[in-house]
Amino acid sequence: MSDTFEFSQENRKLVEAVIAKYPAGRQASAVLALLDIGQRQNDNYASGAVISAVAKLLDMPRIRVAEVASFYTMINTEPVGKYLLQFCTTTPCWLRDSADVVSATEKHLGISFGETTGDGLFTMREVECLGACVNAPIVQINDDMYEDLTGGRMVEILDALQAGDVPPHGPQIKRQTSAPMGGPRTLTDLDFVKS
């Protein structure tokens, strides 16, 4: 990682478009979006150099940008692996056996929460609710949600990622998005409508 950072030409256009969304004098409102763009360009890591570049672009005190970066868990202020594995272990996921998913991952990769594999591919992180409780247990891998997981399915996903393949995200069982198990139902299928 470098001590300096500059947005690429392509990202500079994106940064300018984001800043332009805000009225004069309110450009600081773009701070979170710019941190996200910067970390994506910088191997998923908002380094001190990224924070400084964002502060300079927005004419903000660096400490203010650092405060935003350290507050939001979506901004990585420490280096992470190519695949950031974020495990929900709150009650709905736990009730659907997220512990099995976590345990299978730890055993398969040889790391625990807060650690990165030696090859730099995977980082494990425990997070609060990911907001898809009906499809628990859930793991967010970078920007994608993998739902209705088991320990075995998680290992298959990890093997695919190691091989350079990205398995389809979303439900990992035969379910249409968040529909009840067995497929979507209509109101006429419900008992109270028939009575």
N, C-alpha and C. Protein backbone atom coordinates (compact mmCIF):
# COMPACT_ATOMS: atom_id res chain seq x y z
N MET A 1 0.84 -1.18 0.00
CA MET A 1 0.00 0.00 0.00
C MET A 1 0.89 1.25 0.00
N SER A 2 0.45 2.22 -0.70
CA SER A 2 1.23 3.44 -0.87
C SER A 2 0.83 4.48 0.16
N ASP A 3 1.78 5.40 0.43
CA ASP A 3 1.50 6.51 1.34
C ASP A 3 0.75 7.63 0.64
N THR A 4 0.60 7.51 -0.68
CA THR A 4 -0.13 8.52 -1.45
C THR A 4 -1.27 7.85 -2.19
N PHE A 5 -2.26 8.64 -2.54
CA PHE A 5 -3.41 8.10 -3.26
C PHE A 5 -3.97 9.19 -4.15
N GLU A 6 -4.30 8.82 -5.37
CA GLU A 6 -5.01 9.70 -6.29
C GLU A 6 -6.11 8.89 -6.94
N PHE A 7 -7.27 9.50 -7.09
CA PHE A 7 -8.35 8.82 -7.80
C PHE A 7 -7.93 8.62 -9.25
N SER A 8 -8.25 7.46 -9.80
CA SER A 8 -7.98 7.20 -11.20
C SER A 8 -8.80 8.17 -12.06
N GLN A 9 -8.44 8.26 -13.33
CA GLN A 9 -9.16 9.16 -14.22
C GLN A 9 -10.65 8.78 -14.28
N GLU A 10 -10.92 7.48 -14.36
CA GLU A 10 -12.31 7.02 -14.40
C GLU A 10 -13.04 7.36 -13.10
N ASN A 11 -12.40 7.10 -11.97
CA ASN A 11 -13.02 7.39 -10.69
C ASN A 11 -13.12 8.88 -10.42
N ARG A 12 -12.20 9.66 -10.98
CA ARG A 12 -12.26 11.12 -10.81
C ARG A 12 -13.56 11.65 -11.41
N LYS A 13 -13.96 11.10 -12.57
CA LYS A 13 -15.23 11.51 -13.18
C LYS A 13 -16.40 11.13 -12.28
N LEU A 14 -16.34 9.95 -11.69
CA LEU A 14 -17.39 9.51 -10.78
C LEU A 14 -17.45 10.40 -9.54
N VAL A 15 -16.28 10.72 -9.00
CA VAL A 15 -16.20 11.61 -7.82
C VAL A 15 -16.81 12.97 -8.14
N GLU A 16 -16.47 13.52 -9.29
CA GLU A 16 -17.02 14.82 -9.67
C GLU A 16 -18.54 14.76 -9.82
N ALA A 17 -19.05 13.66 -10.38
CA ALA A 17 -20.51 13.50 -10.52
C ALA A 17 -21.19 13.41 -9.16
N VAL A 18 -20.56 12.72 -8.21
CA VAL A 18 -21.14 12.60 -6.87
C VAL A 18 -21.15 13.96 -6.18
N ILE A 19 -20.04 14.67 -6.24
CA ILE A 19 -19.95 15.99 -5.59
C ILE A 19 -20.97 16.95 -6.20
N ALA A 20 -21.18 16.86 -7.49
CA ALA A 20 -22.12 17.76 -8.20
C ALA A 20 -23.57 17.58 -7.74
N LYS A 21 -23.87 16.49 -7.08
CA LYS A 21 -25.24 16.24 -6.60
C LYS A 21 -25.61 17.16 -5.43
N TYR A 22 -24.62 17.76 -4.80
CA TYR A 22 -24.85 18.56 -3.60
C TYR A 22 -24.74 20.04 -3.90
N PRO A 23 -25.57 20.86 -3.25
CA PRO A 23 -25.52 22.31 -3.50
C PRO A 23 -24.20 22.91 -3.02
N ALA A 24 -23.86 24.05 -3.55
CA ALA A 24 -22.64 24.76 -3.17
C ALA A 24 -22.57 24.89 -1.65
N GLY A 25 -21.42 24.62 -1.12
CA GLY A 25 -21.22 24.70 0.33
C GLY A 25 -21.60 23.43 1.07
N ARG A 26 -22.16 22.45 0.38
CA ARG A 26 -22.60 21.20 1.02
C ARG A 26 -21.87 19.97 0.45
N GLN A 27 -20.74 20.19 -0.19
CA GLN A 27 -20.00 19.10 -0.80
C GLN A 27 -19.53 18.06 0.21
N ALA A 28 -19.36 18.46 1.45
CA ALA A 28 -18.93 17.51 2.48
C ALA A 28 -19.92 16.35 2.63
N SER A 29 -21.14 16.56 2.18
CA SER A 29 -22.14 15.49 2.24
C SER A 29 -21.75 14.29 1.37
N ALA A 30 -20.81 14.46 0.47
CA ALA A 30 -20.35 13.38 -0.42
C ALA A 30 -19.28 12.52 0.22
N VAL A 31 -18.93 12.77 1.47
CA VAL A 31 -17.78 12.11 2.09
C VAL A 31 -17.90 10.59 2.09
N LEU A 32 -19.03 10.04 2.46
CA LEU A 32 -19.16 8.59 2.53
C LEU A 32 -19.05 7.95 1.14
N ALA A 33 -19.68 8.56 0.15
CA ALA A 33 -19.60 8.04 -1.21
C ALA A 33 -18.16 8.09 -1.73
N LEU A 34 -17.44 9.15 -1.43
CA LEU A 34 -16.06 9.25 -1.90
C LEU A 34 -15.14 8.26 -1.19
N LEU A 35 -15.39 8.04 0.09
CA LEU A 35 -14.62 7.02 0.81
C LEU A 35 -14.85 5.64 0.19
N ASP A 36 -16.09 5.36 -0.18
CA ASP A 36 -16.40 4.07 -0.81
C ASP A 36 -15.69 3.94 -2.16
N ILE A 37 -15.74 4.96 -2.97
CA ILE A 37 -15.05 4.93 -4.27
C ILE A 37 -13.55 4.74 -4.06
N GLY A 38 -13.00 5.48 -3.11
CA GLY A 38 -11.57 5.38 -2.84
C GLY A 38 -11.15 4.01 -2.35
N GLN A 39 -11.93 3.42 -1.45
CA GLN A 39 -11.54 2.12 -0.95
C GLN A 39 -11.67 1.05 -2.03
N ARG A 40 -12.67 1.16 -2.90
CA ARG A 40 -12.80 0.20 -3.99
C ARG A 40 -11.58 0.26 -4.92
N GLN A 41 -11.09 1.45 -5.16
CA GLN A 41 -9.90 1.59 -6.01
C GLN A 41 -8.66 1.09 -5.30
N ASN A 42 -8.65 1.11 -3.98
CA ASN A 42 -7.47 0.81 -3.16
C ASN A 42 -7.58 -0.57 -2.50
N ASP A 43 -7.96 -1.58 -3.25
CA ASP A 43 -8.06 -2.96 -2.74
C ASP A 43 -8.97 -3.08 -1.52
N ASN A 44 -10.11 -2.38 -1.57
CA ASN A 44 -11.13 -2.47 -0.52
C ASN A 44 -10.63 -1.96 0.84
N TYR A 45 -9.80 -0.94 0.79
CA TYR A 45 -9.18 -0.40 2.01
C TYR A 45 -9.09 1.12 1.94
N ALA A 46 -9.76 1.80 2.88
CA ALA A 46 -9.68 3.26 2.97
C ALA A 46 -8.49 3.62 3.85
N SER A 47 -7.33 3.59 3.24
CA SER A 47 -6.07 3.87 3.95
C SER A 47 -6.03 5.34 4.38
N GLY A 48 -5.01 5.68 5.16
CA GLY A 48 -4.81 7.07 5.54
C GLY A 48 -4.66 7.97 4.33
N ALA A 49 -4.04 7.44 3.28
CA ALA A 49 -3.86 8.23 2.05
C ALA A 49 -5.19 8.48 1.37
N VAL A 50 -6.09 7.49 1.39
CA VAL A 50 -7.43 7.68 0.81
C VAL A 50 -8.18 8.73 1.61
N ILE A 51 -8.12 8.63 2.92
CA ILE A 51 -8.80 9.59 3.80
C ILE A 51 -8.28 11.00 3.54
N SER A 52 -6.97 11.14 3.40
CA SER A 52 -6.39 12.46 3.13
C SER A 52 -6.83 13.00 1.77
N ALA A 53 -6.88 12.15 0.77
CA ALA A 53 -7.29 12.58 -0.57
C ALA A 53 -8.74 13.05 -0.57
N VAL A 54 -9.61 12.33 0.14
CA VAL A 54 -11.02 12.72 0.23
C VAL A 54 -11.14 14.05 0.98
N ALA A 55 -10.41 14.19 2.06
CA ALA A 55 -10.46 15.43 2.84
C ALA A 55 -10.03 16.62 1.97
N LYS A 56 -8.98 16.45 1.20
CA LYS A 56 -8.50 17.53 0.34
C LYS A 56 -9.53 17.88 -0.73
N LEU A 57 -10.11 16.86 -1.37
CA LEU A 57 -11.11 17.11 -2.41
C LEU A 57 -12.33 17.85 -1.88
N LEU A 58 -12.74 17.51 -0.67
CA LEU A 58 -13.95 18.10 -0.10
C LEU A 58 -13.66 19.32 0.77
N ASP A 59 -12.39 19.69 0.87
CA ASP A 59 -11.98 20.82 1.70
C ASP A 59 -12.51 20.66 3.13
N MET A 60 -12.26 19.47 3.67
CA MET A 60 -12.70 19.13 5.02
C MET A 60 -11.47 18.86 5.89
N PRO A 61 -11.56 19.10 7.19
CA PRO A 61 -10.47 18.66 8.06
C PRO A 61 -10.33 17.13 7.97
N ARG A 62 -9.11 16.66 7.90
CA ARG A 62 -8.87 15.22 7.76
C ARG A 62 -9.53 14.43 8.88
N ILE A 63 -9.53 14.98 10.09
CA ILE A 63 -10.12 14.26 11.23
C ILE A 63 -11.60 14.01 11.01
N ARG A 64 -12.30 14.93 10.35
CA ARG A 64 -13.74 14.74 10.09
C ARG A 64 -13.96 13.57 9.14
N VAL A 65 -13.12 13.46 8.13
CA VAL A 65 -13.23 12.33 7.19
C VAL A 65 -12.88 11.03 7.91
N ALA A 66 -11.84 11.07 8.75
CA ALA A 66 -11.45 9.88 9.51
C ALA A 66 -12.57 9.45 10.46
N GLU A 67 -13.29 10.41 11.04
CA GLU A 67 -14.41 10.07 11.92
C GLU A 67 -15.50 9.32 11.16
N VAL A 68 -15.81 9.78 9.97
CA VAL A 68 -16.82 9.10 9.15
C VAL A 68 -16.34 7.70 8.79
N ALA A 69 -15.08 7.61 8.35
CA ALA A 69 -14.53 6.32 7.94
C ALA A 69 -14.54 5.31 9.08
N SER A 70 -14.25 5.75 10.28
CA SER A 70 -14.19 4.83 11.41
C SER A 70 -15.56 4.50 11.99
N PHE A 71 -16.57 5.30 11.67
CA PHE A 71 -17.91 5.07 12.20
C PHE A 71 -18.65 3.98 11.43
N TYR A 72 -18.56 4.00 10.11
CA TYR A 72 -19.34 3.10 9.28
C TYR A 72 -18.58 1.81 9.00
N THR A 73 -19.19 0.67 9.32
CA THR A 73 -18.53 -0.62 9.13
C THR A 73 -18.32 -0.96 7.66
N MET A 74 -19.01 -0.27 6.76
CA MET A 74 -18.81 -0.53 5.33
C MET A 74 -17.51 0.06 4.81
N ILE A 75 -16.88 0.91 5.60
CA ILE A 75 -15.59 1.48 5.22
C ILE A 75 -14.51 0.74 6.01
N ASN A 76 -13.56 0.18 5.29
CA ASN A 76 -12.51 -0.63 5.92
C ASN A 76 -11.28 0.23 6.19
N THR A 77 -11.03 0.51 7.46
CA THR A 77 -9.88 1.33 7.82
C THR A 77 -8.65 0.48 8.11
N GLU A 78 -8.77 -0.81 7.93
CA GLU A 78 -7.65 -1.75 8.01
C GLU A 78 -7.69 -2.58 6.74
N PRO A 79 -6.54 -3.06 6.25
CA PRO A 79 -6.55 -3.89 5.05
C PRO A 79 -7.39 -5.15 5.26
N VAL A 80 -8.09 -5.57 4.22
CA VAL A 80 -8.89 -6.79 4.25
C VAL A 80 -8.53 -7.64 3.03
N GLY A 81 -8.99 -8.89 3.06
CA GLY A 81 -8.73 -9.78 1.95
C GLY A 81 -9.53 -9.41 0.71
N LYS A 82 -9.22 -10.09 -0.37
CA LYS A 82 -9.95 -9.87 -1.63
C LYS A 82 -11.44 -10.11 -1.42
N TYR A 83 -11.75 -11.10 -0.59
CA TYR A 83 -13.15 -11.42 -0.27
C TYR A 83 -13.38 -11.15 1.22
N LEU A 84 -14.19 -10.14 1.50
CA LEU A 84 -14.55 -9.80 2.87
C LEU A 84 -15.81 -10.57 3.22
N LEU A 85 -15.67 -11.53 4.13
CA LEU A 85 -16.78 -12.38 4.56
C LEU A 85 -17.38 -11.79 5.83
N GLN A 86 -18.61 -11.28 5.73
CA GLN A 86 -19.27 -10.66 6.87
C GLN A 86 -20.40 -11.57 7.33
N PHE A 87 -20.25 -12.13 8.51
CA PHE A 87 -21.18 -13.11 9.05
C PHE A 87 -22.15 -12.47 10.02
N CYS A 88 -23.44 -12.61 9.74
CA CYS A 88 -24.45 -12.19 10.70
C CYS A 88 -24.60 -13.31 11.72
N THR A 89 -24.48 -12.99 13.00
CA THR A 89 -24.66 -13.99 14.05
C THR A 89 -25.72 -13.55 15.06
N THR A 90 -26.57 -12.58 14.67
CA THR A 90 -27.62 -12.14 15.57
C THR A 90 -28.72 -13.19 15.62
N THR A 91 -29.72 -12.97 16.43
CA THR A 91 -30.69 -14.01 16.78
C THR A 91 -31.32 -14.75 15.60
N PRO A 92 -31.89 -14.09 14.58
CA PRO A 92 -32.50 -14.88 13.49
C PRO A 92 -31.50 -15.81 12.79
N CYS A 93 -30.31 -15.33 12.54
CA CYS A 93 -29.30 -16.18 11.89
C CYS A 93 -28.84 -17.29 12.84
N TRP A 94 -28.66 -16.95 14.10
CA TRP A 94 -28.24 -17.93 15.10
C TRP A 94 -29.28 -19.05 15.23
N LEU A 95 -30.57 -18.67 15.23
CA LEU A 95 -31.63 -19.68 15.32
C LEU A 95 -31.64 -20.62 14.12
N ARG A 96 -31.16 -20.13 12.98
CA ARG A 96 -31.09 -20.96 11.77
C ARG A 96 -29.68 -21.55 11.58
N ASP A 97 -28.89 -21.57 12.64
CA ASP A 97 -27.58 -22.24 12.72
C ASP A 97 -26.44 -21.53 12.01
N SER A 98 -26.35 -20.23 12.21
CA SER A 98 -25.19 -19.51 11.68
C SER A 98 -23.90 -20.02 12.31
N ALA A 99 -23.99 -20.59 13.52
CA ALA A 99 -22.79 -21.12 14.17
C ALA A 99 -22.15 -22.21 13.32
N ASP A 100 -22.96 -23.01 12.63
CA ASP A 100 -22.43 -24.06 11.75
C ASP A 100 -21.70 -23.44 10.57
N VAL A 101 -22.26 -22.36 10.03
CA VAL A 101 -21.65 -21.67 8.89
C VAL A 101 -20.30 -21.07 9.31
N VAL A 102 -20.28 -20.42 10.47
CA VAL A 102 -19.05 -19.82 10.98
C VAL A 102 -18.01 -20.90 11.25
N SER A 103 -18.40 -21.97 11.94
CA SER A 103 -17.49 -23.05 12.29
C SER A 103 -16.89 -23.72 11.06
N ALA A 104 -17.73 -23.98 10.06
CA ALA A 104 -17.24 -24.61 8.82
C ALA A 104 -16.23 -23.70 8.11
N THR A 105 -16.49 -22.40 8.14
CA THR A 105 -15.58 -21.45 7.50
C THR A 105 -14.26 -21.39 8.24
N GLU A 106 -14.32 -21.29 9.56
CA GLU A 106 -13.10 -21.24 10.37
C GLU A 106 -12.25 -22.49 10.14
N LYS A 107 -12.90 -23.64 10.14
CA LYS A 107 -12.18 -24.90 9.95
C LYS A 107 -11.57 -24.97 8.55
N HIS A 108 -12.34 -24.55 7.54
CA HIS A 108 -11.88 -24.64 6.15
C HIS A 108 -10.76 -23.66 5.84
N LEU A 109 -10.85 -22.45 6.37
CA LEU A 109 -9.85 -21.42 6.06
C LEU A 109 -8.73 -21.32 7.09
N GLY A 110 -8.96 -21.84 8.30
CA GLY A 110 -7.94 -21.75 9.34
C GLY A 110 -7.81 -20.38 9.95
N ILE A 111 -8.88 -19.58 9.89
CA ILE A 111 -8.88 -18.25 10.50
C ILE A 111 -10.16 -18.06 11.30
N SER A 112 -10.20 -17.01 12.10
CA SER A 112 -11.38 -16.64 12.88
C SER A 112 -11.73 -15.19 12.58
N PHE A 113 -12.77 -14.69 13.26
CA PHE A 113 -13.19 -13.31 13.09
C PHE A 113 -12.00 -12.36 13.29
N GLY A 114 -11.91 -11.36 12.41
CA GLY A 114 -10.85 -10.37 12.51
C GLY A 114 -9.54 -10.79 11.87
N GLU A 115 -9.51 -11.97 11.26
CA GLU A 115 -8.27 -12.47 10.66
C GLU A 115 -8.41 -12.60 9.14
N THR A 116 -7.25 -12.62 8.48
CA THR A 116 -7.17 -12.76 7.02
C THR A 116 -6.29 -13.96 6.71
N THR A 117 -6.68 -14.72 5.70
CA THR A 117 -5.87 -15.88 5.31
C THR A 117 -4.50 -15.42 4.82
N GLY A 118 -3.52 -16.29 4.94
CA GLY A 118 -2.15 -15.96 4.56
C GLY A 118 -2.00 -15.55 3.11
N ASP A 119 -2.88 -16.06 2.23
CA ASP A 119 -2.80 -15.70 0.82
C ASP A 119 -3.52 -14.39 0.50
N GLY A 120 -4.11 -13.77 1.54
CA GLY A 120 -4.79 -12.49 1.36
C GLY A 120 -6.13 -12.57 0.66
N LEU A 121 -6.67 -13.78 0.51
CA LEU A 121 -7.95 -13.92 -0.19
C LEU A 121 -9.16 -13.62 0.68
N PHE A 122 -9.15 -14.10 1.92
CA PHE A 122 -10.35 -14.02 2.75
C PHE A 122 -10.09 -13.33 4.08
N THR A 123 -11.03 -12.48 4.47
CA THR A 123 -11.07 -11.88 5.81
C THR A 123 -12.44 -12.20 6.39
N MET A 124 -12.46 -12.66 7.64
CA MET A 124 -13.72 -12.95 8.33
C MET A 124 -14.04 -11.81 9.29
N ARG A 125 -15.32 -11.41 9.28
CA ARG A 125 -15.78 -10.36 10.18
C ARG A 125 -17.18 -10.71 10.68
N GLU A 126 -17.41 -10.52 11.98
CA GLU A 126 -18.75 -10.69 12.56
C GLU A 126 -19.45 -9.35 12.50
N VAL A 127 -20.70 -9.34 12.01
CA VAL A 127 -21.45 -8.10 11.88
C VAL A 127 -22.83 -8.25 12.50
N GLU A 128 -23.46 -7.11 12.71
CA GLU A 128 -24.84 -7.12 13.18
C GLU A 128 -25.76 -7.45 12.01
N CYS A 129 -27.03 -7.43 12.25
CA CYS A 129 -28.05 -7.83 11.28
C CYS A 129 -27.78 -7.28 9.89
N LEU A 130 -27.86 -8.16 8.90
CA LEU A 130 -27.68 -7.77 7.51
C LEU A 130 -29.02 -7.48 6.82
N GLY A 131 -30.11 -7.62 7.56
CA GLY A 131 -31.41 -7.17 7.07
C GLY A 131 -32.13 -8.12 6.12
N ALA A 132 -31.78 -9.38 6.13
CA ALA A 132 -32.49 -10.37 5.31
C ALA A 132 -32.81 -11.58 6.17
N CYS A 133 -33.39 -11.32 7.32
CA CYS A 133 -33.59 -12.34 8.35
C CYS A 133 -34.41 -13.54 7.88
N VAL A 134 -35.37 -13.31 6.99
CA VAL A 134 -36.21 -14.41 6.53
C VAL A 134 -35.38 -15.46 5.79
N ASN A 135 -34.21 -15.07 5.26
CA ASN A 135 -33.35 -15.98 4.52
C ASN A 135 -32.11 -16.38 5.33
N ALA A 136 -32.21 -16.35 6.63
CA ALA A 136 -31.09 -16.68 7.51
C ALA A 136 -30.72 -18.16 7.36
N PRO A 137 -29.45 -18.48 7.63
CA PRO A 137 -28.32 -17.60 7.94
C PRO A 137 -27.73 -16.97 6.68
N ILE A 138 -27.11 -15.81 6.89
CA ILE A 138 -26.64 -14.98 5.79
C ILE A 138 -25.17 -14.62 5.99
N VAL A 139 -24.44 -14.58 4.88
CA VAL A 139 -23.08 -14.05 4.85
C VAL A 139 -23.00 -13.07 3.69
N GLN A 140 -22.50 -11.88 3.95
CA GLN A 140 -22.26 -10.92 2.88
C GLN A 140 -20.82 -11.08 2.45
N ILE A 141 -20.62 -11.34 1.16
CA ILE A 141 -19.26 -11.46 0.61
C ILE A 141 -19.08 -10.28 -0.33
N ASN A 142 -18.21 -9.36 0.07
CA ASN A 142 -18.06 -8.07 -0.60
C ASN A 142 -19.42 -7.41 -0.71
N ASP A 143 -19.98 -7.23 -1.89
CA ASP A 143 -21.27 -6.55 -2.03
C ASP A 143 -22.46 -7.50 -2.13
N ASP A 144 -22.20 -8.80 -2.15
CA ASP A 144 -23.27 -9.77 -2.42
C ASP A 144 -23.68 -10.54 -1.18
N MET A 145 -25.00 -10.82 -1.10
CA MET A 145 -25.55 -11.58 0.02
C MET A 145 -25.74 -13.04 -0.39
N TYR A 146 -25.24 -13.94 0.43
CA TYR A 146 -25.44 -15.38 0.26
C TYR A 146 -26.34 -15.82 1.41
N GLU A 147 -27.50 -16.35 1.06
CA GLU A 147 -28.57 -16.58 2.03
C GLU A 147 -28.93 -18.06 2.11
N ASP A 148 -29.66 -18.42 3.18
CA ASP A 148 -30.11 -19.80 3.39
C ASP A 148 -28.91 -20.74 3.35
N LEU A 149 -27.86 -20.39 4.07
CA LEU A 149 -26.62 -21.15 4.03
C LEU A 149 -26.59 -22.32 5.01
N THR A 150 -25.75 -23.27 4.69
CA THR A 150 -25.34 -24.33 5.61
C THR A 150 -23.83 -24.30 5.64
N GLY A 151 -23.24 -24.99 6.59
CA GLY A 151 -21.78 -25.06 6.63
C GLY A 151 -21.22 -25.66 5.36
N GLY A 152 -21.84 -26.73 4.87
CA GLY A 152 -21.38 -27.38 3.65
C GLY A 152 -21.46 -26.48 2.43
N ARG A 153 -22.56 -25.76 2.29
CA ARG A 153 -22.71 -24.86 1.15
C ARG A 153 -21.69 -23.73 1.23
N MET A 154 -21.41 -23.24 2.44
CA MET A 154 -20.43 -22.17 2.60
C MET A 154 -19.06 -22.63 2.13
N VAL A 155 -18.67 -23.86 2.46
CA VAL A 155 -17.38 -24.40 2.02
C VAL A 155 -17.34 -24.48 0.49
N GLU A 156 -18.44 -24.88 -0.13
CA GLU A 156 -18.50 -24.92 -1.60
C GLU A 156 -18.29 -23.53 -2.20
N ILE A 157 -18.90 -22.53 -1.59
CA ILE A 157 -18.74 -21.14 -2.05
C ILE A 157 -17.29 -20.70 -1.91
N LEU A 158 -16.67 -21.00 -0.78
CA LEU A 158 -15.27 -20.64 -0.55
C LEU A 158 -14.36 -21.31 -1.58
N ASP A 159 -14.61 -22.60 -1.85
CA ASP A 159 -13.80 -23.32 -2.84
C ASP A 159 -13.95 -22.69 -4.22
N ALA A 160 -15.15 -22.29 -4.58
CA ALA A 160 -15.38 -21.65 -5.88
C ALA A 160 -14.63 -20.33 -5.96
N LEU A 161 -14.69 -19.53 -4.90
CA LEU A 161 -13.99 -18.25 -4.89
C LEU A 161 -12.48 -18.46 -5.00
N GLN A 162 -11.96 -19.46 -4.29
CA GLN A 162 -10.53 -19.76 -4.37
C GLN A 162 -10.12 -20.15 -5.78
N ALA A 163 -11.03 -20.80 -6.51
CA ALA A 163 -10.75 -21.24 -7.88
C ALA A 163 -10.96 -20.10 -8.89
N GLY A 164 -11.39 -18.93 -8.41
CA GLY A 164 -11.59 -17.80 -9.30
C GLY A 164 -13.00 -17.69 -9.86
N ASP A 165 -13.91 -18.53 -9.39
CA ASP A 165 -15.31 -18.47 -9.82
C ASP A 165 -16.12 -17.73 -8.77
N VAL A 166 -17.13 -17.01 -9.21
CA VAL A 166 -18.03 -16.33 -8.27
C VAL A 166 -19.39 -17.02 -8.37
N PRO A 167 -19.75 -17.80 -7.34
CA PRO A 167 -21.04 -18.50 -7.37
C PRO A 167 -22.21 -17.53 -7.31
N PRO A 168 -23.36 -17.94 -7.83
CA PRO A 168 -24.53 -17.05 -7.77
C PRO A 168 -24.87 -16.69 -6.32
N HIS A 169 -25.15 -15.40 -6.10
CA HIS A 169 -25.53 -14.96 -4.76
C HIS A 169 -27.05 -15.08 -4.61
N GLY A 170 -27.54 -14.72 -3.42
CA GLY A 170 -28.96 -14.84 -3.13
C GLY A 170 -29.22 -16.14 -2.39
N PRO A 171 -30.48 -16.59 -2.39
CA PRO A 171 -30.80 -17.84 -1.69
C PRO A 171 -30.00 -19.01 -2.25
N GLN A 172 -29.52 -19.86 -1.35
CA GLN A 172 -28.73 -21.02 -1.76
C GLN A 172 -29.56 -22.29 -1.70
N ILE A 173 -30.86 -22.13 -1.59
CA ILE A 173 -31.80 -23.25 -1.65
C ILE A 173 -32.83 -22.92 -2.72
N LYS A 174 -33.72 -23.84 -3.00
CA LYS A 174 -34.75 -23.60 -4.01
C LYS A 174 -35.82 -22.71 -3.40
N ARG A 175 -35.57 -21.41 -3.50
CA ARG A 175 -36.49 -20.42 -2.95
C ARG A 175 -36.44 -19.23 -3.90
N GLN A 176 -37.56 -18.66 -4.18
CA GLN A 176 -37.60 -17.45 -5.00
C GLN A 176 -37.47 -16.25 -4.07
N THR A 177 -36.37 -15.56 -4.15
CA THR A 177 -36.03 -14.42 -3.30
C THR A 177 -36.37 -14.71 -1.84
N SER A 178 -37.36 -14.05 -1.27
CA SER A 178 -37.72 -14.26 0.13
C SER A 178 -39.06 -14.97 0.29
N ALA A 179 -39.50 -15.65 -0.76
CA ALA A 179 -40.78 -16.36 -0.71
C ALA A 179 -40.72 -17.48 0.32
N PRO A 180 -41.87 -17.86 0.88
CA PRO A 180 -41.88 -18.98 1.83
C PRO A 180 -41.32 -20.24 1.19
N MET A 181 -40.79 -21.12 2.01
CA MET A 181 -40.27 -22.39 1.50
C MET A 181 -41.37 -23.08 0.70
N GLY A 182 -41.03 -23.66 -0.42
CA GLY A 182 -42.02 -24.32 -1.27
C GLY A 182 -42.54 -23.40 -2.35
N GLY A 183 -42.04 -22.19 -2.42
CA GLY A 183 -42.42 -21.28 -3.49
C GLY A 183 -43.44 -20.26 -3.06
N PRO A 184 -43.71 -19.32 -3.94
CA PRO A 184 -44.66 -18.25 -3.61
C PRO A 184 -46.08 -18.79 -3.45
N ARG A 185 -46.83 -18.13 -2.60
CA ARG A 185 -48.22 -18.51 -2.38
C ARG A 185 -49.11 -17.31 -2.66
N THR A 186 -50.35 -17.59 -2.92
CA THR A 186 -51.31 -16.52 -3.13
C THR A 186 -52.23 -16.44 -1.94
N LEU A 187 -52.99 -15.38 -1.84
CA LEU A 187 -53.94 -15.24 -0.73
C LEU A 187 -54.95 -16.37 -0.74
N THR A 188 -55.34 -16.87 -1.88
CA THR A 188 -56.33 -17.95 -1.92
C THR A 188 -55.80 -19.26 -1.37
N ASP A 189 -54.50 -19.38 -1.22
CA ASP A 189 -53.91 -20.60 -0.64
C ASP A 189 -53.99 -20.59 0.89
N LEU A 190 -54.23 -19.43 1.48
CA LEU A 190 -54.20 -19.35 2.93
C LEU A 190 -55.52 -19.82 3.55
N ASP A 191 -55.43 -20.52 4.66
CA ASP A 191 -56.59 -21.12 5.30
C ASP A 191 -57.66 -20.09 5.66
N PHE A 192 -57.26 -18.91 6.17
CA PHE A 192 -58.26 -17.96 6.63
C PHE A 192 -59.09 -17.41 5.47
N VAL A 193 -58.58 -17.46 4.25
CA VAL A 193 -59.34 -16.98 3.11
C VAL A 193 -60.40 -18.02 2.72
N LYS A 194 -60.08 -19.29 2.93
CA LYS A 194 -61.00 -20.37 2.54
C LYS A 194 -62.16 -20.51 3.51
N SER A 195 -62.00 -20.06 4.73
CA SER A 195 -63.08 -20.26 5.72
C SER A 195 -64.17 -19.23 5.63
